[in-house]
Amino acid sequence: MTAGRRVDPVQILARVGDTEPDAGGNEEAYQEWLYLARAAGWEVAESTGFREPRDGGTECGLVTVEGLAYRVHYGPRARLDLAEGAPVLGYAAWAEPVRDDDRPGAGA
């Protein structure tokens, strides 16, 4: 896949689970996002690797995608259409870029 045709990392959405989080879903979601990003042609390095989200947050890891830092999240994000036709949010993994001034150790 050529670099110009790759899906942007923020557009990669790994659907993991349904409307309830899977057992062990955080780590599974993190690994699934990494797999999809690499399959899309991105060079991904695990900065901190997987970690359990704290304080009810959704962040489950920090990665570097070709020099830019991204936080990988897991939580309700993907729209699902259940049998009755009612749209609900299902669990998924996604990544958001980390601003330079928001990186760990940036203020040191």
N, C-alpha and C. Protein backbone atom coordinates (compact mmCIF):
# COMPACT_ATOMS: atom_id res chain seq x y z
N MET A 1 0.85 -1.18 0.00
CA MET A 1 0.00 0.00 0.00
C MET A 1 0.89 1.24 0.00
N THR A 2 0.63 2.19 -0.87
CA THR A 2 1.45 3.39 -0.94
C THR A 2 1.11 4.35 0.19
N ALA A 3 2.10 5.15 0.59
CA ALA A 3 1.91 6.07 1.71
C ALA A 3 0.79 7.06 1.44
N GLY A 4 0.59 7.48 0.20
CA GLY A 4 -0.45 8.45 -0.12
C GLY A 4 -1.86 7.91 -0.02
N ARG A 5 -2.03 6.60 -0.02
CA ARG A 5 -3.35 5.99 0.00
C ARG A 5 -3.72 5.41 1.37
N ARG A 6 -2.88 5.58 2.34
CA ARG A 6 -3.16 5.02 3.67
C ARG A 6 -4.26 5.80 4.37
N VAL A 7 -5.05 5.10 5.14
CA VAL A 7 -6.06 5.72 5.99
C VAL A 7 -5.31 6.40 7.13
N ASP A 8 -5.70 7.61 7.48
CA ASP A 8 -5.07 8.32 8.59
C ASP A 8 -5.28 7.52 9.88
N PRO A 9 -4.28 7.46 10.76
CA PRO A 9 -4.43 6.69 12.00
C PRO A 9 -5.66 7.08 12.83
N VAL A 10 -6.08 8.33 12.79
CA VAL A 10 -7.26 8.71 13.58
C VAL A 10 -8.55 8.17 12.99
N GLN A 11 -8.50 7.69 11.75
CA GLN A 11 -9.68 7.12 11.11
C GLN A 11 -9.79 5.61 11.32
N ILE A 12 -8.79 5.02 11.94
CA ILE A 12 -8.81 3.58 12.18
C ILE A 12 -9.65 3.32 13.43
N LEU A 13 -10.68 2.53 13.27
CA LEU A 13 -11.60 2.21 14.36
C LEU A 13 -11.70 0.69 14.46
N ALA A 14 -11.21 0.15 15.55
CA ALA A 14 -11.23 -1.30 15.75
C ALA A 14 -12.45 -1.64 16.60
N ARG A 15 -13.44 -2.25 15.99
CA ARG A 15 -14.65 -2.65 16.74
C ARG A 15 -14.32 -3.88 17.57
N VAL A 16 -14.44 -3.72 18.88
CA VAL A 16 -14.12 -4.79 19.82
C VAL A 16 -15.27 -4.90 20.81
N GLY A 17 -15.96 -6.01 20.77
CA GLY A 17 -17.09 -6.19 21.66
C GLY A 17 -18.36 -5.68 21.01
N ASP A 18 -19.37 -5.54 21.83
CA ASP A 18 -20.69 -5.12 21.36
C ASP A 18 -21.07 -3.90 22.17
N THR A 19 -22.18 -3.93 22.85
CA THR A 19 -22.59 -2.78 23.66
C THR A 19 -22.05 -2.87 25.08
N GLU A 20 -21.42 -3.97 25.41
CA GLU A 20 -20.77 -4.16 26.71
C GLU A 20 -19.30 -4.47 26.45
N PRO A 21 -18.41 -3.99 27.31
CA PRO A 21 -16.99 -4.29 27.09
C PRO A 21 -16.72 -5.78 27.24
N ASP A 22 -15.85 -6.31 26.38
CA ASP A 22 -15.45 -7.72 26.47
C ASP A 22 -14.56 -7.92 27.69
N ALA A 23 -14.55 -9.15 28.20
CA ALA A 23 -13.61 -9.49 29.26
C ALA A 23 -12.21 -9.34 28.68
N GLY A 24 -11.37 -8.58 29.34
CA GLY A 24 -10.03 -8.33 28.83
C GLY A 24 -10.04 -7.41 27.63
N GLY A 25 -11.13 -6.69 27.44
CA GLY A 25 -11.32 -5.87 26.25
C GLY A 25 -10.30 -4.78 26.04
N ASN A 26 -9.79 -4.17 27.10
CA ASN A 26 -8.83 -3.08 26.94
C ASN A 26 -7.58 -3.53 26.20
N GLU A 27 -6.99 -4.63 26.65
CA GLU A 27 -5.77 -5.09 26.00
C GLU A 27 -6.06 -5.64 24.60
N GLU A 28 -7.17 -6.36 24.45
CA GLU A 28 -7.56 -6.87 23.13
C GLU A 28 -7.78 -5.72 22.16
N ALA A 29 -8.44 -4.66 22.62
CA ALA A 29 -8.72 -3.50 21.78
C ALA A 29 -7.42 -2.81 21.37
N TYR A 30 -6.52 -2.65 22.32
CA TYR A 30 -5.22 -2.03 22.04
C TYR A 30 -4.48 -2.82 20.96
N GLN A 31 -4.41 -4.13 21.14
CA GLN A 31 -3.70 -4.98 20.18
C GLN A 31 -4.39 -4.97 18.81
N GLU A 32 -5.72 -4.94 18.79
CA GLU A 32 -6.45 -4.91 17.53
C GLU A 32 -6.19 -3.60 16.79
N TRP A 33 -6.15 -2.47 17.52
CA TRP A 33 -5.85 -1.19 16.86
C TRP A 33 -4.45 -1.23 16.26
N LEU A 34 -3.47 -1.75 17.02
CA LEU A 34 -2.10 -1.86 16.49
C LEU A 34 -2.08 -2.69 15.21
N TYR A 35 -2.78 -3.82 15.23
CA TYR A 35 -2.83 -4.69 14.06
C TYR A 35 -3.40 -3.96 12.85
N LEU A 36 -4.53 -3.27 13.03
CA LEU A 36 -5.17 -2.56 11.92
C LEU A 36 -4.30 -1.42 11.39
N ALA A 37 -3.62 -0.71 12.29
CA ALA A 37 -2.75 0.39 11.86
C ALA A 37 -1.59 -0.15 11.03
N ARG A 38 -1.00 -1.24 11.48
CA ARG A 38 0.11 -1.84 10.73
C ARG A 38 -0.39 -2.42 9.40
N ALA A 39 -1.58 -3.02 9.41
CA ALA A 39 -2.15 -3.57 8.18
C ALA A 39 -2.45 -2.45 7.18
N ALA A 40 -2.72 -1.24 7.67
CA ALA A 40 -2.98 -0.09 6.80
C ALA A 40 -1.69 0.49 6.24
N GLY A 41 -0.55 -0.04 6.68
CA GLY A 41 0.73 0.39 6.13
C GLY A 41 1.52 1.35 6.99
N TRP A 42 1.08 1.57 8.22
CA TRP A 42 1.80 2.48 9.11
C TRP A 42 2.87 1.73 9.90
N GLU A 43 3.99 2.42 10.15
CA GLU A 43 5.03 1.89 11.02
C GLU A 43 4.70 2.34 12.44
N VAL A 44 4.31 1.40 13.29
CA VAL A 44 3.84 1.72 14.63
C VAL A 44 4.79 1.14 15.66
N ALA A 45 5.23 1.97 16.61
CA ALA A 45 6.08 1.52 17.71
C ALA A 45 5.31 1.76 19.01
N GLU A 46 5.36 0.78 19.89
CA GLU A 46 4.68 0.92 21.18
C GLU A 46 5.56 1.74 22.10
N SER A 47 5.07 2.92 22.50
CA SER A 47 5.85 3.79 23.38
C SER A 47 5.83 3.27 24.81
N THR A 48 4.64 3.03 25.32
CA THR A 48 4.51 2.51 26.69
C THR A 48 3.90 1.13 26.67
N GLY A 49 3.38 0.70 25.54
CA GLY A 49 2.67 -0.57 25.48
C GLY A 49 1.31 -0.44 26.13
N PHE A 50 0.66 -1.56 26.33
CA PHE A 50 -0.68 -1.57 26.92
C PHE A 50 -0.61 -1.19 28.39
N ARG A 51 -1.63 -0.48 28.84
CA ARG A 51 -1.80 -0.22 30.28
C ARG A 51 -3.29 -0.07 30.55
N GLU A 52 -3.70 -0.50 31.72
CA GLU A 52 -5.11 -0.41 32.10
C GLU A 52 -5.49 1.06 32.26
N PRO A 53 -6.66 1.44 31.73
CA PRO A 53 -7.13 2.83 31.91
C PRO A 53 -7.30 3.14 33.38
N ARG A 54 -7.05 4.40 33.74
CA ARG A 54 -7.16 4.83 35.14
C ARG A 54 -8.32 5.82 35.29
N ASP A 55 -8.88 5.84 36.47
CA ASP A 55 -9.89 6.82 36.86
C ASP A 55 -11.07 6.88 35.89
N GLY A 56 -11.49 5.72 35.37
CA GLY A 56 -12.64 5.69 34.49
C GLY A 56 -12.37 6.22 33.09
N GLY A 57 -11.11 6.46 32.76
CA GLY A 57 -10.76 6.97 31.44
C GLY A 57 -10.77 5.88 30.38
N THR A 58 -10.47 6.27 29.17
CA THR A 58 -10.48 5.32 28.05
C THR A 58 -9.09 5.04 27.49
N GLU A 59 -8.07 5.79 27.91
CA GLU A 59 -6.73 5.61 27.36
C GLU A 59 -6.14 4.27 27.80
N CYS A 60 -5.68 3.47 26.82
CA CYS A 60 -5.12 2.17 27.18
C CYS A 60 -3.72 1.95 26.59
N GLY A 61 -3.09 2.99 26.08
CA GLY A 61 -1.73 2.84 25.60
C GLY A 61 -1.26 4.04 24.81
N LEU A 62 0.04 4.14 24.67
CA LEU A 62 0.66 5.23 23.92
C LEU A 62 1.54 4.60 22.85
N VAL A 63 1.38 5.06 21.61
CA VAL A 63 2.17 4.53 20.49
C VAL A 63 2.77 5.70 19.72
N THR A 64 3.75 5.38 18.89
CA THR A 64 4.32 6.35 17.98
C THR A 64 4.10 5.84 16.56
N VAL A 65 3.47 6.65 15.75
CA VAL A 65 3.20 6.30 14.36
C VAL A 65 4.08 7.20 13.50
N GLU A 66 5.15 6.61 12.98
CA GLU A 66 6.09 7.32 12.12
C GLU A 66 6.49 8.68 12.69
N GLY A 67 6.86 8.68 13.97
CA GLY A 67 7.38 9.88 14.63
C GLY A 67 6.38 10.71 15.38
N LEU A 68 5.08 10.46 15.21
CA LEU A 68 4.06 11.22 15.93
C LEU A 68 3.43 10.34 17.00
N ALA A 69 3.24 10.91 18.20
CA ALA A 69 2.66 10.16 19.31
C ALA A 69 1.14 10.16 19.22
N TYR A 70 0.55 9.01 19.54
CA TYR A 70 -0.91 8.84 19.59
C TYR A 70 -1.28 8.10 20.86
N ARG A 71 -2.40 8.48 21.44
CA ARG A 71 -2.98 7.73 22.56
C ARG A 71 -4.04 6.80 21.99
N VAL A 72 -3.97 5.52 22.37
CA VAL A 72 -4.98 4.56 21.96
C VAL A 72 -6.02 4.48 23.07
N HIS A 73 -7.29 4.54 22.68
CA HIS A 73 -8.41 4.54 23.63
C HIS A 73 -9.31 3.34 23.38
N TYR A 74 -10.08 2.96 24.40
CA TYR A 74 -11.08 1.89 24.29
C TYR A 74 -12.31 2.30 25.06
N GLY A 75 -13.44 2.30 24.38
CA GLY A 75 -14.69 2.67 25.03
C GLY A 75 -15.83 2.68 24.02
N PRO A 76 -17.01 3.16 24.43
CA PRO A 76 -18.14 3.21 23.50
C PRO A 76 -17.89 4.26 22.42
N ARG A 77 -17.82 3.82 21.17
CA ARG A 77 -17.46 4.74 20.09
C ARG A 77 -18.12 4.39 18.75
N ALA A 78 -18.31 3.09 18.49
CA ALA A 78 -18.82 2.67 17.18
C ALA A 78 -20.34 2.55 17.21
N ARG A 79 -20.98 3.08 16.19
CA ARG A 79 -22.43 2.99 16.10
C ARG A 79 -22.84 1.58 15.66
N LEU A 80 -23.81 1.03 16.37
CA LEU A 80 -24.36 -0.28 16.03
C LEU A 80 -25.85 -0.12 15.82
N ASP A 81 -26.42 -0.98 15.01
CA ASP A 81 -27.86 -0.98 14.80
C ASP A 81 -28.36 -2.32 15.32
N LEU A 82 -29.06 -2.29 16.43
CA LEU A 82 -29.55 -3.53 17.03
C LEU A 82 -30.77 -4.04 16.29
N ALA A 83 -31.24 -5.19 16.65
CA ALA A 83 -32.34 -5.86 15.95
C ALA A 83 -33.56 -4.97 15.78
N GLU A 84 -33.86 -4.15 16.76
CA GLU A 84 -35.03 -3.27 16.66
C GLU A 84 -34.78 -2.08 15.75
N GLY A 85 -33.55 -1.93 15.29
CA GLY A 85 -33.23 -0.80 14.44
C GLY A 85 -32.81 0.45 15.19
N ALA A 86 -32.64 0.32 16.50
CA ALA A 86 -32.23 1.47 17.30
C ALA A 86 -30.71 1.59 17.31
N PRO A 87 -30.16 2.72 16.89
CA PRO A 87 -28.70 2.86 16.93
C PRO A 87 -28.21 3.05 18.36
N VAL A 88 -27.14 2.38 18.69
CA VAL A 88 -26.50 2.49 20.01
C VAL A 88 -24.99 2.55 19.79
N LEU A 89 -24.29 2.87 20.85
CA LEU A 89 -22.82 2.88 20.77
C LEU A 89 -22.26 1.53 21.21
N GLY A 90 -21.36 0.99 20.42
CA GLY A 90 -20.66 -0.23 20.76
C GLY A 90 -19.22 0.09 21.10
N TYR A 91 -18.52 -0.87 21.67
CA TYR A 91 -17.14 -0.67 22.11
C TYR A 91 -16.16 -0.79 20.95
N ALA A 92 -15.17 0.09 20.96
CA ALA A 92 -14.17 0.12 19.91
C ALA A 92 -12.88 0.72 20.44
N ALA A 93 -11.81 0.55 19.67
CA ALA A 93 -10.52 1.18 19.97
C ALA A 93 -10.26 2.22 18.88
N TRP A 94 -9.69 3.34 19.27
CA TRP A 94 -9.33 4.41 18.35
C TRP A 94 -8.10 5.13 18.89
N ALA A 95 -7.50 5.97 18.07
CA ALA A 95 -6.31 6.69 18.49
C ALA A 95 -6.49 8.18 18.25
N GLU A 96 -5.89 8.97 19.12
CA GLU A 96 -5.90 10.42 18.99
C GLU A 96 -4.46 10.93 19.10
N PRO A 97 -4.10 11.90 18.28
CA PRO A 97 -2.72 12.42 18.35
C PRO A 97 -2.47 13.12 19.68
N VAL A 98 -1.23 13.09 20.09
CA VAL A 98 -0.80 13.75 21.33
C VAL A 98 -0.09 15.04 20.93
N ARG A 99 -0.56 16.16 21.44
CA ARG A 99 0.13 17.43 21.16
C ARG A 99 1.50 17.40 21.80
N ASP A 100 2.45 18.08 21.19
CA ASP A 100 3.82 18.09 21.71
C ASP A 100 3.89 18.55 23.16
N ASP A 101 3.10 19.56 23.54
CA ASP A 101 3.14 20.06 24.91
C ASP A 101 2.36 19.17 25.87
N ASP A 102 1.70 18.13 25.37
CA ASP A 102 0.93 17.21 26.20
C ASP A 102 1.62 15.85 26.33
N ARG A 103 2.81 15.71 25.72
CA ARG A 103 3.54 14.45 25.80
C ARG A 103 4.09 14.25 27.19
N PRO A 104 4.19 12.98 27.63
CA PRO A 104 4.82 12.72 28.93
C PRO A 104 6.25 13.25 28.95
N GLY A 105 6.58 14.00 29.97
CA GLY A 105 7.93 14.54 30.12
C GLY A 105 8.18 15.82 29.34
N ALA A 106 7.16 16.37 28.66
CA ALA A 106 7.36 17.56 27.84
C ALA A 106 7.64 18.79 28.68
N GLY A 107 7.10 18.82 29.88
CA GLY A 107 7.29 20.01 30.73
C GLY A 107 8.55 19.95 31.53
N ALA A 108 9.31 18.88 31.44
CA ALA A 108 10.51 18.73 32.25
C ALA A 108 11.66 19.52 31.70
